[in-house]
Amino acid sequence: MSEYITGRLNLSSIYDSNKSIKGASKGKEGELELIFQDQKILTHKVPSQVGCQCGAVIKGYTNGDSRKIQEVTWPKSTKKSCTLTEFVKHNGINKKTDTLYLETDVVYCTQWLKVDTKDFGLPQTRERTYMFVWQPDDGNVDDDLGQYWQAVVEYLQFPVRHALESFILEANHDVIRAFREALNGPAGR
């Protein structure tokens, strides 16, 4: 989801350590395919493990931590379509460190964080993933607003101070008694 919003495909998230496409062994969806149309390189067949939409225009790529976008060219040996692997090989893109950039109307940044309710004072385990999305000033994708948000959320953590039993009503409580009577009555039958 993060890649879909930002328009930046980290190739290491698409390829696994064996240099093959994640999920390709399942055989159903295969690999991301690109097409060359109207002098633009477009995504064509997009499997679910790739975070972009079909028809997105490839803008270029960046080397590792660099933010300078390198231009890409279409492989002359292919006619109308090619796989991501063929495209990466033709342009000399590193699958482990480089990022593919897609054209977007607006630049967004994302930061996601997994949290558990027991770390925020509730005596239960509910794991959730939250994503913070923002539009950076002047298109600077290196700003630290996401890390600041994550630090604030982590600062808000506090352990559970009361045992689960302190939240449960006693067996002879009026509310429990009323529900038991309702379940034993006509409505419960």
N, C-alpha and C. Protein backbone atom coordinates (compact mmCIF):
# COMPACT_ATOMS: atom_id res chain seq x y z
N MET A 1 0.82 -1.19 0.00
CA MET A 1 0.00 0.00 0.00
C MET A 1 0.86 1.25 0.00
N SER A 2 1.94 1.21 0.75
CA SER A 2 2.85 2.34 0.83
C SER A 2 3.42 2.68 -0.55
N GLU A 3 3.83 1.65 -1.28
CA GLU A 3 4.39 1.87 -2.62
C GLU A 3 3.34 2.43 -3.58
N TYR A 4 2.12 1.96 -3.44
CA TYR A 4 1.02 2.44 -4.29
C TYR A 4 0.79 3.94 -4.08
N ILE A 5 0.83 4.39 -2.81
CA ILE A 5 0.58 5.79 -2.49
C ILE A 5 1.74 6.68 -2.92
N THR A 6 2.98 6.24 -2.68
CA THR A 6 4.14 7.08 -2.95
C THR A 6 4.60 7.05 -4.41
N GLY A 7 4.29 5.98 -5.12
CA GLY A 7 4.76 5.85 -6.50
C GLY A 7 6.23 5.48 -6.58
N ARG A 8 6.75 4.89 -5.51
CA ARG A 8 8.15 4.46 -5.47
C ARG A 8 8.18 2.97 -5.14
N LEU A 9 8.62 2.17 -6.11
CA LEU A 9 8.68 0.71 -5.94
C LEU A 9 10.08 0.30 -5.55
N ASN A 10 10.25 -0.09 -4.30
CA ASN A 10 11.54 -0.60 -3.84
C ASN A 10 11.68 -2.01 -4.41
N LEU A 11 12.64 -2.20 -5.30
CA LEU A 11 12.76 -3.49 -5.99
C LEU A 11 13.07 -4.64 -5.04
N SER A 12 13.71 -4.37 -3.91
CA SER A 12 13.99 -5.46 -2.97
C SER A 12 12.71 -6.00 -2.35
N SER A 13 11.63 -5.22 -2.36
CA SER A 13 10.36 -5.73 -1.84
C SER A 13 9.63 -6.59 -2.87
N ILE A 14 10.02 -6.48 -4.13
CA ILE A 14 9.41 -7.28 -5.19
C ILE A 14 10.19 -8.58 -5.40
N TYR A 15 11.51 -8.46 -5.34
CA TYR A 15 12.37 -9.63 -5.53
C TYR A 15 12.78 -10.18 -4.18
N ASP A 16 12.84 -11.51 -4.06
CA ASP A 16 13.33 -12.09 -2.81
C ASP A 16 14.83 -12.31 -2.91
N SER A 17 15.41 -12.91 -1.88
CA SER A 17 16.86 -13.07 -1.83
C SER A 17 17.39 -14.01 -2.92
N ASN A 18 16.54 -14.82 -3.53
CA ASN A 18 16.98 -15.73 -4.58
C ASN A 18 16.93 -15.09 -5.96
N LYS A 19 16.71 -13.77 -6.01
CA LYS A 19 16.66 -13.00 -7.26
C LYS A 19 15.52 -13.44 -8.16
N SER A 20 14.50 -14.02 -7.58
CA SER A 20 13.31 -14.35 -8.35
C SER A 20 12.15 -13.53 -7.82
N ILE A 21 11.11 -13.44 -8.58
CA ILE A 21 9.95 -12.63 -8.20
C ILE A 21 9.21 -13.32 -7.06
N LYS A 22 8.89 -12.57 -6.01
CA LYS A 22 8.09 -13.11 -4.91
C LYS A 22 6.72 -13.49 -5.45
N GLY A 23 6.24 -14.64 -5.11
CA GLY A 23 4.91 -15.08 -5.53
C GLY A 23 4.89 -15.68 -6.92
N ALA A 24 5.99 -15.58 -7.67
CA ALA A 24 5.99 -16.11 -9.03
C ALA A 24 5.93 -17.63 -9.04
N SER A 25 6.41 -18.24 -7.96
CA SER A 25 6.37 -19.70 -7.90
C SER A 25 4.94 -20.22 -7.84
N LYS A 26 4.01 -19.37 -7.43
CA LYS A 26 2.61 -19.78 -7.38
C LYS A 26 2.06 -19.94 -8.79
N GLY A 27 2.65 -19.24 -9.75
CA GLY A 27 2.32 -19.43 -11.14
C GLY A 27 1.07 -18.76 -11.67
N LYS A 28 0.21 -18.28 -10.80
CA LYS A 28 -1.04 -17.72 -11.28
C LYS A 28 -0.89 -16.31 -11.82
N GLU A 29 -0.22 -15.45 -11.06
CA GLU A 29 -0.12 -14.05 -11.47
C GLU A 29 1.13 -13.75 -12.27
N GLY A 30 2.21 -14.45 -11.99
CA GLY A 30 3.44 -14.22 -12.72
C GLY A 30 4.14 -12.94 -12.31
N GLU A 31 4.75 -12.28 -13.27
CA GLU A 31 5.62 -11.14 -13.02
C GLU A 31 5.02 -9.86 -13.61
N LEU A 32 5.43 -8.73 -13.06
CA LEU A 32 5.00 -7.43 -13.58
C LEU A 32 5.45 -7.30 -15.04
N GLU A 33 4.51 -6.93 -15.91
CA GLU A 33 4.84 -6.72 -17.32
C GLU A 33 4.73 -5.24 -17.64
N LEU A 34 5.61 -4.79 -18.51
CA LEU A 34 5.63 -3.40 -18.96
C LEU A 34 5.36 -3.36 -20.45
N ILE A 35 4.79 -2.26 -20.92
CA ILE A 35 4.58 -2.07 -22.35
C ILE A 35 5.13 -0.70 -22.75
N PHE A 36 5.48 -0.56 -24.02
CA PHE A 36 5.97 0.71 -24.56
C PHE A 36 4.87 1.25 -25.46
N GLN A 37 4.30 2.40 -25.04
CA GLN A 37 3.17 2.96 -25.76
C GLN A 37 3.27 4.48 -25.74
N ASP A 38 3.11 5.12 -26.89
CA ASP A 38 3.17 6.58 -27.02
C ASP A 38 4.44 7.15 -26.41
N GLN A 39 5.58 6.50 -26.69
CA GLN A 39 6.89 6.92 -26.20
C GLN A 39 7.00 6.92 -24.68
N LYS A 40 6.16 6.15 -24.00
CA LYS A 40 6.20 6.02 -22.55
C LYS A 40 6.25 4.55 -22.18
N ILE A 41 6.88 4.27 -21.05
CA ILE A 41 6.94 2.92 -20.52
C ILE A 41 5.87 2.82 -19.43
N LEU A 42 4.91 1.90 -19.63
CA LEU A 42 3.77 1.77 -18.74
C LEU A 42 3.73 0.39 -18.09
N THR A 43 3.20 0.33 -16.86
CA THR A 43 2.93 -0.97 -16.24
C THR A 43 1.71 -1.55 -16.94
N HIS A 44 1.75 -2.86 -17.17
CA HIS A 44 0.66 -3.47 -17.93
C HIS A 44 -0.05 -4.56 -17.12
N LYS A 45 0.61 -5.65 -16.85
CA LYS A 45 0.03 -6.71 -16.02
C LYS A 45 0.68 -6.62 -14.65
N VAL A 46 -0.13 -6.26 -13.65
CA VAL A 46 0.41 -6.00 -12.32
C VAL A 46 -0.08 -7.08 -11.35
N PRO A 47 0.83 -7.95 -10.88
CA PRO A 47 0.43 -8.95 -9.89
C PRO A 47 0.18 -8.30 -8.53
N SER A 48 -0.51 -9.00 -7.67
CA SER A 48 -0.93 -8.43 -6.38
C SER A 48 0.24 -8.10 -5.46
N GLN A 49 1.40 -8.74 -5.62
CA GLN A 49 2.52 -8.46 -4.73
C GLN A 49 3.26 -7.18 -5.10
N VAL A 50 2.87 -6.53 -6.19
CA VAL A 50 3.51 -5.28 -6.61
C VAL A 50 2.58 -4.12 -6.32
N GLY A 51 3.10 -3.10 -5.64
CA GLY A 51 2.27 -1.99 -5.20
C GLY A 51 2.17 -0.85 -6.19
N CYS A 52 1.56 -1.09 -7.34
CA CYS A 52 1.30 0.01 -8.28
C CYS A 52 0.06 -0.33 -9.09
N GLN A 53 -0.46 0.68 -9.75
CA GLN A 53 -1.66 0.44 -10.56
C GLN A 53 -1.28 0.15 -12.01
N CYS A 54 -2.15 -0.53 -12.68
CA CYS A 54 -1.96 -0.83 -14.09
C CYS A 54 -2.03 0.47 -14.88
N GLY A 55 -1.09 0.69 -15.79
CA GLY A 55 -1.07 1.89 -16.61
C GLY A 55 -0.22 3.01 -16.05
N ALA A 56 0.46 2.77 -14.92
CA ALA A 56 1.34 3.80 -14.34
C ALA A 56 2.56 3.98 -15.24
N VAL A 57 3.01 5.23 -15.38
CA VAL A 57 4.14 5.56 -16.23
C VAL A 57 5.43 5.48 -15.42
N ILE A 58 6.43 4.75 -15.96
CA ILE A 58 7.74 4.64 -15.30
C ILE A 58 8.50 5.94 -15.57
N LYS A 59 8.89 6.62 -14.50
CA LYS A 59 9.62 7.88 -14.59
C LYS A 59 11.12 7.66 -14.65
N GLY A 60 11.60 6.67 -13.89
CA GLY A 60 13.03 6.38 -13.82
C GLY A 60 13.32 5.55 -12.59
N TYR A 61 14.57 5.59 -12.15
CA TYR A 61 14.95 4.85 -10.95
C TYR A 61 16.05 5.60 -10.21
N THR A 62 16.21 5.26 -8.94
CA THR A 62 17.29 5.83 -8.15
C THR A 62 18.22 4.72 -7.70
N ASN A 63 19.51 5.06 -7.59
CA ASN A 63 20.52 4.10 -7.12
C ASN A 63 20.61 4.16 -5.61
N GLY A 64 20.30 3.07 -4.94
CA GLY A 64 20.46 2.98 -3.50
C GLY A 64 19.84 4.13 -2.74
N ASP A 65 20.65 4.86 -1.97
CA ASP A 65 20.18 5.98 -1.16
C ASP A 65 20.14 7.30 -1.92
N SER A 66 20.61 7.33 -3.13
CA SER A 66 20.61 8.57 -3.94
C SER A 66 19.17 8.96 -4.28
N ARG A 67 18.90 10.24 -4.38
CA ARG A 67 17.57 10.72 -4.76
C ARG A 67 17.54 11.23 -6.20
N LYS A 68 18.67 11.17 -6.90
CA LYS A 68 18.71 11.61 -8.29
C LYS A 68 18.09 10.53 -9.17
N ILE A 69 17.05 10.90 -9.88
CA ILE A 69 16.33 9.93 -10.72
C ILE A 69 17.08 9.73 -12.03
N GLN A 70 17.44 8.47 -12.28
CA GLN A 70 18.13 8.09 -13.52
C GLN A 70 17.09 7.77 -14.58
N GLU A 71 17.41 8.11 -15.82
CA GLU A 71 16.49 7.80 -16.92
C GLU A 71 16.56 6.32 -17.27
N VAL A 72 15.46 5.82 -17.82
CA VAL A 72 15.40 4.43 -18.26
C VAL A 72 15.10 4.41 -19.76
N THR A 73 15.51 3.33 -20.40
CA THR A 73 15.24 3.16 -21.83
C THR A 73 14.52 1.84 -22.05
N TRP A 74 13.82 1.76 -23.14
CA TRP A 74 13.09 0.55 -23.49
C TRP A 74 14.03 -0.43 -24.18
N PRO A 75 13.98 -1.71 -23.82
CA PRO A 75 14.84 -2.70 -24.49
C PRO A 75 14.48 -2.82 -25.97
N LYS A 76 15.42 -2.57 -26.82
CA LYS A 76 15.17 -2.58 -28.27
C LYS A 76 14.87 -3.98 -28.79
N SER A 77 15.38 -5.00 -28.08
CA SER A 77 15.18 -6.37 -28.56
C SER A 77 13.73 -6.83 -28.40
N THR A 78 12.97 -6.19 -27.50
CA THR A 78 11.57 -6.56 -27.32
C THR A 78 10.70 -5.63 -28.15
N LYS A 79 9.56 -6.12 -28.54
CA LYS A 79 8.69 -5.30 -29.39
C LYS A 79 7.77 -4.43 -28.56
N LYS A 80 6.73 -5.00 -28.03
CA LYS A 80 5.73 -4.17 -27.36
C LYS A 80 5.69 -4.35 -25.85
N SER A 81 6.05 -5.54 -25.35
CA SER A 81 6.00 -5.75 -23.91
C SER A 81 7.25 -6.48 -23.43
N CYS A 82 7.54 -6.34 -22.13
CA CYS A 82 8.64 -7.07 -21.52
C CYS A 82 8.35 -7.23 -20.03
N THR A 83 9.03 -8.16 -19.40
CA THR A 83 8.85 -8.37 -17.96
C THR A 83 9.73 -7.39 -17.20
N LEU A 84 9.45 -7.25 -15.91
CA LEU A 84 10.26 -6.37 -15.07
C LEU A 84 11.70 -6.85 -15.02
N THR A 85 11.91 -8.15 -14.99
CA THR A 85 13.27 -8.70 -14.95
C THR A 85 14.05 -8.30 -16.19
N GLU A 86 13.45 -8.40 -17.38
CA GLU A 86 14.11 -7.99 -18.62
C GLU A 86 14.41 -6.49 -18.60
N PHE A 87 13.47 -5.71 -18.12
CA PHE A 87 13.62 -4.25 -18.07
C PHE A 87 14.75 -3.85 -17.11
N VAL A 88 14.78 -4.48 -15.94
CA VAL A 88 15.81 -4.20 -14.94
C VAL A 88 17.18 -4.55 -15.48
N LYS A 89 17.29 -5.70 -16.11
CA LYS A 89 18.57 -6.15 -16.67
C LYS A 89 19.05 -5.21 -17.77
N HIS A 90 18.15 -4.79 -18.66
CA HIS A 90 18.50 -3.90 -19.76
C HIS A 90 19.03 -2.55 -19.26
N ASN A 91 18.43 -2.01 -18.19
CA ASN A 91 18.81 -0.69 -17.68
C ASN A 91 19.89 -0.74 -16.62
N GLY A 92 20.39 -1.92 -16.26
CA GLY A 92 21.44 -2.05 -15.26
C GLY A 92 20.99 -1.65 -13.87
N ILE A 93 19.75 -1.93 -13.56
CA ILE A 93 19.18 -1.57 -12.25
C ILE A 93 19.47 -2.68 -11.25
N ASN A 94 19.88 -2.31 -10.04
CA ASN A 94 20.19 -3.27 -8.99
C ASN A 94 18.90 -3.66 -8.27
N LYS A 95 18.58 -4.95 -8.27
CA LYS A 95 17.34 -5.44 -7.67
C LYS A 95 17.33 -5.31 -6.15
N LYS A 96 18.51 -5.26 -5.52
CA LYS A 96 18.58 -5.22 -4.06
C LYS A 96 18.51 -3.82 -3.49
N THR A 97 19.00 -2.83 -4.21
CA THR A 97 19.13 -1.49 -3.60
C THR A 97 18.38 -0.38 -4.31
N ASP A 98 17.99 -0.58 -5.57
CA ASP A 98 17.41 0.52 -6.35
C ASP A 98 15.90 0.60 -6.20
N THR A 99 15.38 1.78 -6.52
CA THR A 99 13.95 2.05 -6.41
C THR A 99 13.44 2.56 -7.75
N LEU A 100 12.35 1.99 -8.21
CA LEU A 100 11.71 2.39 -9.46
C LEU A 100 10.71 3.50 -9.15
N TYR A 101 10.78 4.61 -9.88
CA TYR A 101 9.88 5.76 -9.66
C TYR A 101 8.81 5.79 -10.74
N LEU A 102 7.58 6.02 -10.31
CA LEU A 102 6.45 6.15 -11.22
C LEU A 102 6.01 7.61 -11.23
N GLU A 103 5.46 8.06 -12.34
CA GLU A 103 4.95 9.43 -12.41
C GLU A 103 3.69 9.54 -11.55
N THR A 104 3.66 10.58 -10.72
CA THR A 104 2.49 10.84 -9.87
C THR A 104 2.15 12.32 -9.94
N ASP A 105 0.88 12.64 -9.75
CA ASP A 105 0.45 14.04 -9.76
C ASP A 105 0.90 14.78 -8.51
N VAL A 106 0.90 14.08 -7.39
CA VAL A 106 1.25 14.66 -6.10
C VAL A 106 2.25 13.75 -5.41
N VAL A 107 3.23 14.34 -4.74
CA VAL A 107 4.22 13.56 -4.01
C VAL A 107 3.72 13.32 -2.59
N TYR A 108 3.70 12.05 -2.19
CA TYR A 108 3.32 11.68 -0.83
C TYR A 108 4.43 10.85 -0.22
N CYS A 109 4.48 10.88 1.10
CA CYS A 109 5.38 10.02 1.86
C CYS A 109 4.53 9.20 2.82
N THR A 110 5.05 8.06 3.22
CA THR A 110 4.31 7.19 4.14
C THR A 110 5.24 6.66 5.22
N GLN A 111 4.66 6.37 6.35
CA GLN A 111 5.36 5.67 7.44
C GLN A 111 4.33 4.75 8.07
N TRP A 112 4.64 3.49 8.22
CA TRP A 112 3.69 2.58 8.85
C TRP A 112 4.30 1.97 10.10
N LEU A 113 3.41 1.56 11.00
CA LEU A 113 3.85 1.07 12.30
C LEU A 113 2.85 0.03 12.80
N LYS A 114 3.36 -1.10 13.29
CA LYS A 114 2.50 -2.12 13.90
C LYS A 114 2.40 -1.83 15.38
N VAL A 115 1.19 -1.85 15.91
CA VAL A 115 0.97 -1.61 17.33
C VAL A 115 0.08 -2.72 17.90
N ASP A 116 0.15 -2.88 19.21
CA ASP A 116 -0.66 -3.86 19.92
C ASP A 116 -1.33 -3.14 21.08
N THR A 117 -2.62 -3.37 21.29
CA THR A 117 -3.36 -2.64 22.32
C THR A 117 -2.79 -2.88 23.72
N LYS A 118 -2.19 -4.04 23.96
CA LYS A 118 -1.65 -4.30 25.31
C LYS A 118 -0.49 -3.37 25.63
N ASP A 119 0.13 -2.78 24.60
CA ASP A 119 1.20 -1.82 24.83
C ASP A 119 0.68 -0.40 25.08
N PHE A 120 -0.65 -0.25 25.03
CA PHE A 120 -1.25 1.07 25.23
C PHE A 120 -2.29 1.04 26.35
N GLY A 121 -2.08 0.15 27.34
CA GLY A 121 -2.89 0.15 28.54
C GLY A 121 -4.16 -0.67 28.52
N LEU A 122 -4.45 -1.37 27.44
CA LEU A 122 -5.66 -2.20 27.39
C LEU A 122 -5.29 -3.66 27.62
N PRO A 123 -6.02 -4.36 28.47
CA PRO A 123 -5.65 -5.74 28.79
C PRO A 123 -6.14 -6.74 27.75
N GLN A 124 -5.70 -6.58 26.54
CA GLN A 124 -6.05 -7.50 25.46
C GLN A 124 -4.99 -7.39 24.38
N THR A 125 -4.99 -8.34 23.48
CA THR A 125 -4.05 -8.29 22.36
C THR A 125 -4.84 -8.05 21.09
N ARG A 126 -4.66 -6.89 20.51
CA ARG A 126 -5.21 -6.57 19.20
C ARG A 126 -4.11 -5.90 18.41
N GLU A 127 -3.58 -6.61 17.46
CA GLU A 127 -2.50 -6.07 16.65
C GLU A 127 -3.08 -5.36 15.44
N ARG A 128 -2.62 -4.16 15.20
CA ARG A 128 -3.07 -3.35 14.06
C ARG A 128 -1.85 -2.69 13.42
N THR A 129 -1.98 -2.41 12.14
CA THR A 129 -0.96 -1.66 11.43
C THR A 129 -1.56 -0.32 11.03
N TYR A 130 -0.88 0.75 11.39
CA TYR A 130 -1.33 2.10 11.05
C TYR A 130 -0.34 2.72 10.08
N MET A 131 -0.88 3.46 9.12
CA MET A 131 -0.03 4.14 8.16
C MET A 131 -0.29 5.64 8.25
N PHE A 132 0.78 6.39 8.33
CA PHE A 132 0.72 7.84 8.36
C PHE A 132 1.14 8.32 6.97
N VAL A 133 0.30 9.11 6.33
CA VAL A 133 0.56 9.61 4.97
C VAL A 133 0.57 11.12 5.02
N TRP A 134 1.58 11.74 4.40
CA TRP A 134 1.66 13.19 4.38
C TRP A 134 2.27 13.66 3.06
N GLN A 135 2.01 14.92 2.76
CA GLN A 135 2.57 15.55 1.57
C GLN A 135 3.75 16.41 2.04
N PRO A 136 4.98 16.05 1.64
CA PRO A 136 6.15 16.76 2.15
C PRO A 136 6.27 18.17 1.55
N ASP A 137 6.91 19.04 2.31
CA ASP A 137 7.18 20.39 1.81
C ASP A 137 8.14 20.32 0.63
N ASP A 138 7.84 21.03 -0.43
CA ASP A 138 8.69 21.13 -1.62
C ASP A 138 9.05 19.77 -2.23
N GLY A 139 8.21 18.76 -2.01
CA GLY A 139 8.45 17.44 -2.60
C GLY A 139 9.65 16.71 -2.02
N ASN A 140 10.14 17.13 -0.85
CA ASN A 140 11.30 16.52 -0.22
C ASN A 140 10.89 15.20 0.44
N VAL A 141 11.18 14.08 -0.21
CA VAL A 141 10.78 12.78 0.32
C VAL A 141 11.67 12.32 1.46
N ASP A 142 12.71 13.06 1.78
CA ASP A 142 13.63 12.69 2.86
C ASP A 142 13.30 13.37 4.18
N ASP A 143 12.18 14.11 4.26
CA ASP A 143 11.90 14.76 5.54
C ASP A 143 11.60 13.72 6.61
N ASP A 144 11.71 14.11 7.87
CA ASP A 144 11.62 13.15 8.96
C ASP A 144 10.28 13.19 9.70
N LEU A 145 9.23 13.67 9.07
CA LEU A 145 7.94 13.75 9.72
C LEU A 145 7.42 12.36 10.09
N GLY A 146 7.67 11.36 9.26
CA GLY A 146 7.24 10.00 9.55
C GLY A 146 7.93 9.42 10.78
N GLN A 147 9.23 9.67 10.90
CA GLN A 147 9.95 9.19 12.08
C GLN A 147 9.47 9.93 13.33
N TYR A 148 9.12 11.21 13.19
CA TYR A 148 8.60 11.98 14.32
C TYR A 148 7.25 11.41 14.77
N TRP A 149 6.38 11.10 13.80
CA TRP A 149 5.08 10.49 14.12
C TRP A 149 5.28 9.16 14.84
N GLN A 150 6.20 8.34 14.35
CA GLN A 150 6.47 7.05 14.97
C GLN A 150 6.99 7.24 16.39
N ALA A 151 7.86 8.21 16.60
CA ALA A 151 8.38 8.49 17.94
C ALA A 151 7.27 8.93 18.89
N VAL A 152 6.33 9.74 18.40
CA VAL A 152 5.21 10.17 19.24
C VAL A 152 4.34 8.98 19.63
N VAL A 153 4.02 8.10 18.68
CA VAL A 153 3.21 6.92 18.97
C VAL A 153 3.93 6.02 19.98
N GLU A 154 5.22 5.81 19.79
CA GLU A 154 5.98 4.97 20.71
C GLU A 154 6.07 5.61 22.10
N TYR A 155 6.11 6.93 22.17
CA TYR A 155 6.15 7.63 23.46
C TYR A 155 4.83 7.44 24.22
N LEU A 156 3.74 7.29 23.49
CA LEU A 156 2.43 7.13 24.12
C LEU A 156 2.21 5.73 24.71
N GLN A 157 3.12 4.82 24.46
CA GLN A 157 2.97 3.47 24.99
C GLN A 157 3.11 3.47 26.51
N PHE A 158 2.28 2.67 27.17
CA PHE A 158 2.43 2.43 28.60
C PHE A 158 1.86 1.05 28.89
N PRO A 159 2.45 0.36 29.83
CA PRO A 159 2.03 -1.02 30.09
C PRO A 159 0.66 -1.08 30.74
N VAL A 160 0.06 -2.25 30.66
CA VAL A 160 -1.22 -2.49 31.31
C VAL A 160 -1.00 -2.39 32.82
N ARG A 161 -1.81 -1.56 33.47
CA ARG A 161 -1.62 -1.35 34.91
C ARG A 161 -2.56 -2.20 35.75
N HIS A 162 -3.58 -2.74 35.13
CA HIS A 162 -4.56 -3.52 35.88
C HIS A 162 -4.73 -4.87 35.20
N ALA A 163 -4.95 -5.88 36.00
CA ALA A 163 -5.17 -7.22 35.47
C ALA A 163 -6.52 -7.28 34.76
N LEU A 164 -6.67 -8.24 33.89
CA LEU A 164 -7.91 -8.42 33.14
C LEU A 164 -9.10 -8.60 34.09
N GLU A 165 -8.89 -9.28 35.20
CA GLU A 165 -9.96 -9.55 36.16
C GLU A 165 -10.60 -8.26 36.69
N SER A 166 -9.83 -7.17 36.74
CA SER A 166 -10.39 -5.93 37.27
C SER A 166 -11.39 -5.30 36.29
N PHE A 167 -11.43 -5.76 35.04
CA PHE A 167 -12.37 -5.24 34.05
C PHE A 167 -13.61 -6.13 33.91
N ILE A 168 -13.61 -7.30 34.54
CA ILE A 168 -14.71 -8.26 34.40
C ILE A 168 -15.67 -8.10 35.58
N LEU A 169 -16.95 -8.11 35.27
CA LEU A 169 -17.97 -8.01 36.32
C LEU A 169 -18.03 -9.31 37.12
N GLU A 170 -18.37 -9.20 38.39
CA GLU A 170 -18.48 -10.38 39.24
C GLU A 170 -19.70 -11.20 38.80
N ALA A 171 -19.69 -12.48 39.12
CA ALA A 171 -20.75 -13.40 38.70
C ALA A 171 -22.12 -13.02 39.27
N ASN A 172 -22.18 -12.37 40.44
CA ASN A 172 -23.46 -12.01 41.04
C ASN A 172 -23.84 -10.55 40.78
N HIS A 173 -23.18 -9.89 39.84
CA HIS A 173 -23.49 -8.49 39.50
C HIS A 173 -24.88 -8.41 38.86
N ASP A 174 -25.59 -7.28 39.07
CA ASP A 174 -26.95 -7.11 38.55
C ASP A 174 -27.03 -7.24 37.02
N VAL A 175 -26.06 -6.71 36.32
CA VAL A 175 -26.07 -6.77 34.85
C VAL A 175 -25.93 -8.22 34.40
N ILE A 176 -25.03 -8.97 35.01
CA ILE A 176 -24.85 -10.38 34.66
C ILE A 176 -26.12 -11.16 34.98
N ARG A 177 -26.73 -10.91 36.14
CA ARG A 177 -27.96 -11.59 36.54
C ARG A 177 -29.08 -11.32 35.54
N ALA A 178 -29.22 -10.05 35.09
CA ALA A 178 -30.27 -9.70 34.14
C ALA A 178 -30.08 -10.42 32.80
N PHE A 179 -28.85 -10.52 32.33
CA PHE A 179 -28.58 -11.23 31.08
C PHE A 179 -28.85 -12.73 31.22
N ARG A 180 -28.49 -13.31 32.33
CA ARG A 180 -28.75 -14.74 32.55
C ARG A 180 -30.24 -15.01 32.54
N GLU A 181 -31.02 -14.15 33.20
CA GLU A 181 -32.47 -14.32 33.22
C GLU A 181 -33.05 -14.17 31.82
N ALA A 182 -32.52 -13.23 31.04
CA ALA A 182 -33.01 -13.05 29.67
C ALA A 182 -32.69 -14.28 28.81
N LEU A 183 -31.52 -14.84 28.99
CA LEU A 183 -31.14 -16.02 28.21
C LEU A 183 -31.95 -17.24 28.63
N ASN A 184 -32.36 -17.33 29.90
CA ASN A 184 -33.17 -18.47 30.36
C ASN A 184 -34.65 -18.25 30.06
N GLY A 185 -35.04 -17.06 29.70
CA GLY A 185 -36.44 -16.74 29.43
C GLY A 185 -36.81 -17.03 27.98
N PRO A 186 -37.99 -16.55 27.56
CA PRO A 186 -38.48 -16.80 26.19
C PRO A 186 -37.54 -16.28 25.11
N ALA A 187 -36.91 -15.13 25.32
CA ALA A 187 -36.02 -14.57 24.31
C ALA A 187 -34.80 -15.47 24.08
N GLY A 188 -34.30 -16.05 25.15
CA GLY A 188 -33.14 -16.93 25.06
C GLY A 188 -33.43 -18.28 24.44
N ARG A 189 -34.70 -18.72 24.57
CA ARG A 189 -35.06 -20.02 24.01
C ARG A 189 -35.26 -19.90 22.53
